[in-house]
């Protein structure tokens, strides 16, 4: 069973890495916000899998904090984008 968890812990960062490609070539702001969320949830998933395999409960706390920070980062990014967009429209 630990082999399955370790395989998933390798597979998830690979898929998250493909999301980074979308971040670089993403045509819109929404794509970039979604990649921020993907990085946070992918990282939290890997940490939770590693916590299950190792039996270390402290890693669970780190994973939950990472997921929380990803949500705040996405919200902050959204607010920053909407403010910079609205300021650009006001000046025209």
N, C-alpha and C. Protein backbone atom coordinates (compact mmCIF):
# COMPACT_ATOMS: atom_id res chain seq x y z
N UNK A 1 0.82 -1.20 0.00
CA UNK A 1 0.00 0.00 0.00
C UNK A 1 0.87 1.27 0.00
N UNK A 2 2.00 1.22 0.70
CA UNK A 2 2.89 2.37 0.71
C UNK A 2 3.46 2.66 -0.67
N UNK A 3 3.62 1.61 -1.49
CA UNK A 3 4.12 1.82 -2.85
C UNK A 3 3.14 2.64 -3.68
N UNK A 4 1.86 2.41 -3.47
CA UNK A 4 0.84 3.18 -4.20
C UNK A 4 0.88 4.64 -3.77
N UNK A 5 1.02 4.87 -2.48
CA UNK A 5 1.10 6.25 -1.98
C UNK A 5 2.35 6.95 -2.52
N UNK A 6 3.46 6.25 -2.53
CA UNK A 6 4.69 6.85 -3.05
C UNK A 6 4.60 7.11 -4.55
N UNK A 7 3.95 6.21 -5.28
CA UNK A 7 3.76 6.43 -6.72
C UNK A 7 2.89 7.66 -6.96
N UNK A 8 1.84 7.81 -6.15
CA UNK A 8 0.99 8.99 -6.28
C UNK A 8 1.74 10.25 -5.89
N UNK A 9 2.64 10.13 -4.89
CA UNK A 9 3.44 11.29 -4.47
C UNK A 9 4.43 11.70 -5.54
N UNK A 10 4.75 10.83 -6.46
CA UNK A 10 5.60 11.18 -7.60
C UNK A 10 4.75 11.69 -8.76
N UNK A 11 3.58 11.10 -8.97
CA UNK A 11 2.71 11.45 -10.08
C UNK A 11 2.14 12.87 -9.93
N UNK A 12 1.74 13.23 -8.73
CA UNK A 12 1.10 14.54 -8.52
C UNK A 12 2.04 15.70 -8.84
N UNK A 13 3.31 15.70 -8.40
CA UNK A 13 4.18 16.82 -8.80
C UNK A 13 4.44 16.89 -10.29
N UNK A 14 4.44 15.74 -10.96
CA UNK A 14 4.63 15.76 -12.41
C UNK A 14 3.45 16.48 -13.07
N UNK A 15 2.25 16.16 -12.63
CA UNK A 15 1.06 16.82 -13.19
C UNK A 15 1.02 18.29 -12.80
N UNK A 16 1.46 18.61 -11.60
CA UNK A 16 1.52 20.00 -11.17
C UNK A 16 2.56 20.77 -11.98
N UNK A 17 3.64 20.11 -12.33
CA UNK A 17 4.65 20.73 -13.18
C UNK A 17 4.11 21.07 -14.55
N UNK A 18 3.22 20.24 -15.06
CA UNK A 18 2.58 20.57 -16.33
C UNK A 18 1.70 21.81 -16.19
N UNK A 19 1.17 22.01 -14.99
CA UNK A 19 0.40 23.23 -14.74
C UNK A 19 1.27 24.46 -14.79
N UNK A 20 2.54 24.33 -14.44
CA UNK A 20 3.46 25.46 -14.54
C UNK A 20 3.65 25.91 -15.98
N UNK A 21 3.57 24.97 -16.90
CA UNK A 21 3.65 25.32 -18.31
C UNK A 21 2.47 26.23 -18.67
N UNK A 22 1.30 25.88 -18.13
CA UNK A 22 0.12 26.70 -18.37
C UNK A 22 0.27 28.09 -17.77
N UNK A 23 0.98 28.16 -16.66
CA UNK A 23 1.22 29.46 -16.03
C UNK A 23 2.05 30.35 -16.94
N UNK A 24 3.03 29.75 -17.59
CA UNK A 24 3.92 30.53 -18.45
C UNK A 24 3.26 30.95 -19.76
N UNK A 25 2.42 30.07 -20.32
CA UNK A 25 1.82 30.39 -21.61
C UNK A 25 0.34 30.73 -21.50
N UNK A 26 -0.17 30.79 -20.27
CA UNK A 26 -1.60 31.05 -20.08
C UNK A 26 -2.04 32.34 -20.72
N UNK A 27 -3.11 32.29 -21.50
CA UNK A 27 -3.54 33.50 -22.18
C UNK A 27 -4.27 34.49 -21.28
N UNK A 28 -4.76 34.02 -20.15
CA UNK A 28 -5.55 34.93 -19.34
C UNK A 28 -5.18 34.89 -17.86
N UNK A 29 -5.74 35.84 -17.15
CA UNK A 29 -5.50 35.95 -15.73
C UNK A 29 -6.13 34.78 -14.98
N UNK A 30 -7.29 34.34 -15.43
CA UNK A 30 -7.97 33.24 -14.76
C UNK A 30 -7.12 31.98 -14.79
N UNK A 31 -6.43 31.74 -15.90
CA UNK A 31 -5.54 30.58 -15.99
C UNK A 31 -4.44 30.66 -14.93
N UNK A 32 -3.93 31.82 -14.73
CA UNK A 32 -2.84 31.98 -13.77
C UNK A 32 -3.32 31.84 -12.33
N UNK A 33 -4.52 32.31 -12.04
CA UNK A 33 -5.09 32.13 -10.71
C UNK A 33 -5.33 30.65 -10.44
N UNK A 34 -5.81 29.94 -11.44
CA UNK A 34 -6.06 28.51 -11.27
C UNK A 34 -4.76 27.73 -11.07
N UNK A 35 -3.67 28.17 -11.68
CA UNK A 35 -2.39 27.49 -11.48
C UNK A 35 -1.90 27.71 -10.05
N UNK A 36 -2.13 28.89 -9.49
CA UNK A 36 -1.77 29.12 -8.10
C UNK A 36 -2.51 28.15 -7.20
N UNK A 37 -3.79 27.95 -7.46
CA UNK A 37 -4.57 26.99 -6.69
C UNK A 37 -4.05 25.57 -6.92
N UNK A 38 -3.71 25.24 -8.15
CA UNK A 38 -3.20 23.91 -8.46
C UNK A 38 -1.90 23.62 -7.72
N UNK A 39 -1.01 24.60 -7.67
CA UNK A 39 0.25 24.41 -6.96
C UNK A 39 0.02 24.18 -5.47
N UNK A 40 -0.89 24.92 -4.90
CA UNK A 40 -1.18 24.76 -3.47
C UNK A 40 -1.82 23.42 -3.15
N UNK A 41 -2.81 23.03 -3.93
CA UNK A 41 -3.48 21.77 -3.65
C UNK A 41 -2.61 20.58 -4.02
N UNK A 42 -1.83 20.70 -5.08
CA UNK A 42 -0.91 19.62 -5.44
C UNK A 42 0.16 19.42 -4.38
N UNK A 43 0.70 20.51 -3.89
CA UNK A 43 1.69 20.42 -2.82
C UNK A 43 1.11 19.85 -1.55
N UNK A 44 -0.11 20.26 -1.21
CA UNK A 44 -0.76 19.72 -0.03
C UNK A 44 -1.05 18.23 -0.19
N UNK A 45 -1.45 17.83 -1.37
CA UNK A 45 -1.72 16.41 -1.62
C UNK A 45 -0.46 15.57 -1.45
N UNK A 46 0.64 16.05 -1.98
CA UNK A 46 1.90 15.31 -1.85
C UNK A 46 2.30 15.22 -0.37
N UNK A 47 2.17 16.31 0.34
CA UNK A 47 2.53 16.30 1.76
C UNK A 47 1.63 15.35 2.55
N UNK A 48 0.35 15.32 2.23
CA UNK A 48 -0.55 14.40 2.92
C UNK A 48 -0.22 12.95 2.62
N UNK A 49 0.15 12.67 1.38
CA UNK A 49 0.56 11.30 1.04
C UNK A 49 1.84 10.91 1.78
N UNK A 50 2.78 11.83 1.82
CA UNK A 50 4.03 11.54 2.53
C UNK A 50 3.80 11.40 4.04
N UNK A 51 2.87 12.16 4.58
CA UNK A 51 2.54 12.02 6.00
C UNK A 51 1.92 10.66 6.29
N UNK A 52 1.11 10.18 5.36
CA UNK A 52 0.50 8.86 5.52
C UNK A 52 1.55 7.77 5.47
N UNK A 53 2.47 7.87 4.54
CA UNK A 53 3.51 6.85 4.39
C UNK A 53 4.46 6.86 5.58
N UNK A 54 4.86 8.06 6.01
CA UNK A 54 5.86 8.13 7.08
C UNK A 54 5.26 8.03 8.48
N UNK A 55 3.98 8.32 8.60
CA UNK A 55 3.34 8.31 9.91
C UNK A 55 3.63 9.55 10.73
N UNK A 56 4.20 10.56 10.12
CA UNK A 56 4.54 11.80 10.81
C UNK A 56 3.34 12.76 10.73
N UNK A 57 2.74 13.03 11.88
CA UNK A 57 1.53 13.85 11.90
C UNK A 57 1.83 15.34 11.73
N UNK A 58 3.05 15.76 11.95
CA UNK A 58 3.41 17.17 11.79
C UNK A 58 3.33 17.59 10.33
N UNK A 59 3.54 16.66 9.42
CA UNK A 59 3.47 16.98 7.99
C UNK A 59 2.04 17.34 7.59
N UNK A 60 1.07 16.76 8.28
CA UNK A 60 -0.34 17.09 8.00
C UNK A 60 -0.60 18.57 8.28
N UNK A 61 -0.05 19.07 9.37
CA UNK A 61 -0.21 20.49 9.70
C UNK A 61 0.40 21.38 8.62
N UNK A 62 1.56 20.98 8.14
CA UNK A 62 2.22 21.75 7.08
C UNK A 62 1.38 21.72 5.80
N UNK A 63 0.80 20.58 5.48
CA UNK A 63 -0.04 20.46 4.28
C UNK A 63 -1.27 21.34 4.38
N UNK A 64 -1.90 21.35 5.54
CA UNK A 64 -3.08 22.19 5.72
C UNK A 64 -2.73 23.67 5.64
N UNK A 65 -1.58 24.03 6.17
CA UNK A 65 -1.14 25.43 6.09
C UNK A 65 -0.84 25.83 4.64
N UNK A 66 -0.25 24.92 3.89
CA UNK A 66 0.02 25.20 2.48
C UNK A 66 -1.27 25.39 1.70
N UNK A 67 -2.26 24.56 1.96
CA UNK A 67 -3.55 24.72 1.28
C UNK A 67 -4.20 26.05 1.64
N UNK A 68 -4.10 26.44 2.89
CA UNK A 68 -4.66 27.72 3.32
C UNK A 68 -3.92 28.88 2.67
N UNK A 69 -2.61 28.82 2.62
CA UNK A 69 -1.83 29.88 1.98
C UNK A 69 -2.11 29.97 0.49
N UNK A 70 -2.36 28.84 -0.15
CA UNK A 70 -2.69 28.86 -1.58
C UNK A 70 -4.01 29.58 -1.82
N UNK A 71 -4.97 29.35 -0.93
CA UNK A 71 -6.26 30.04 -1.08
C UNK A 71 -6.09 31.54 -0.89
N UNK A 72 -5.30 31.94 0.11
CA UNK A 72 -5.05 33.37 0.32
C UNK A 72 -4.27 33.97 -0.84
N UNK A 73 -3.33 33.23 -1.39
CA UNK A 73 -2.55 33.74 -2.51
C UNK A 73 -3.44 33.95 -3.74
N UNK A 74 -4.34 33.02 -3.99
CA UNK A 74 -5.24 33.16 -5.13
C UNK A 74 -6.17 34.36 -4.93
N UNK A 75 -6.68 34.52 -3.72
CA UNK A 75 -7.56 35.66 -3.45
C UNK A 75 -6.82 36.98 -3.57
N UNK A 76 -5.60 37.03 -3.07
CA UNK A 76 -4.79 38.24 -3.17
C UNK A 76 -4.45 38.56 -4.61
N UNK A 77 -4.11 37.55 -5.37
CA UNK A 77 -3.80 37.73 -6.78
C UNK A 77 -5.02 38.27 -7.53
N UNK A 78 -6.19 37.74 -7.21
CA UNK A 78 -7.42 38.21 -7.85
C UNK A 78 -7.68 39.67 -7.51
N UNK A 79 -7.54 40.04 -6.25
CA UNK A 79 -7.77 41.43 -5.85
C UNK A 79 -6.77 42.35 -6.53
N UNK A 80 -5.51 41.94 -6.59
CA UNK A 80 -4.48 42.75 -7.23
C UNK A 80 -4.79 42.95 -8.72
N UNK A 81 -5.23 41.90 -9.39
CA UNK A 81 -5.53 41.99 -10.81
C UNK A 81 -6.74 42.89 -11.05
N UNK A 82 -7.78 42.73 -10.25
CA UNK A 82 -8.97 43.56 -10.46
C UNK A 82 -8.69 45.03 -10.16
N UNK A 83 -7.86 45.29 -9.16
CA UNK A 83 -7.53 46.70 -8.86
C UNK A 83 -6.67 47.30 -9.96
N UNK A 84 -5.70 46.56 -10.46
CA UNK A 84 -4.84 47.11 -11.50
C UNK A 84 -5.62 47.27 -12.80
N UNK A 85 -6.57 46.41 -13.06
CA UNK A 85 -7.40 46.53 -14.26
C UNK A 85 -8.32 47.73 -14.16
N UNK A 86 -8.96 47.92 -12.98
CA UNK A 86 -9.88 49.03 -12.83
C UNK A 86 -9.14 50.37 -12.82
N UNK A 87 -7.92 50.41 -12.30
CA UNK A 87 -7.14 51.65 -12.33
C UNK A 87 -6.72 51.98 -13.75
N UNK A 88 -6.47 50.98 -14.55
CA UNK A 88 -6.10 51.21 -15.94
C UNK A 88 -7.26 51.76 -16.74
N UNK A 89 -8.48 51.33 -16.42
CA UNK A 89 -9.67 51.84 -17.13
C UNK A 89 -10.00 53.26 -16.71
N UNK A 90 -9.75 53.60 -15.44
CA UNK A 90 -10.07 54.94 -14.96
C UNK A 90 -9.16 56.00 -15.57
N UNK A 91 -7.94 55.63 -15.90
CA UNK A 91 -6.99 56.61 -16.41
C UNK A 91 -7.19 56.89 -17.89
N UNK A 92 -7.97 56.07 -18.58
CA UNK A 92 -8.17 56.27 -20.02
C UNK A 92 -9.24 57.26 -20.32
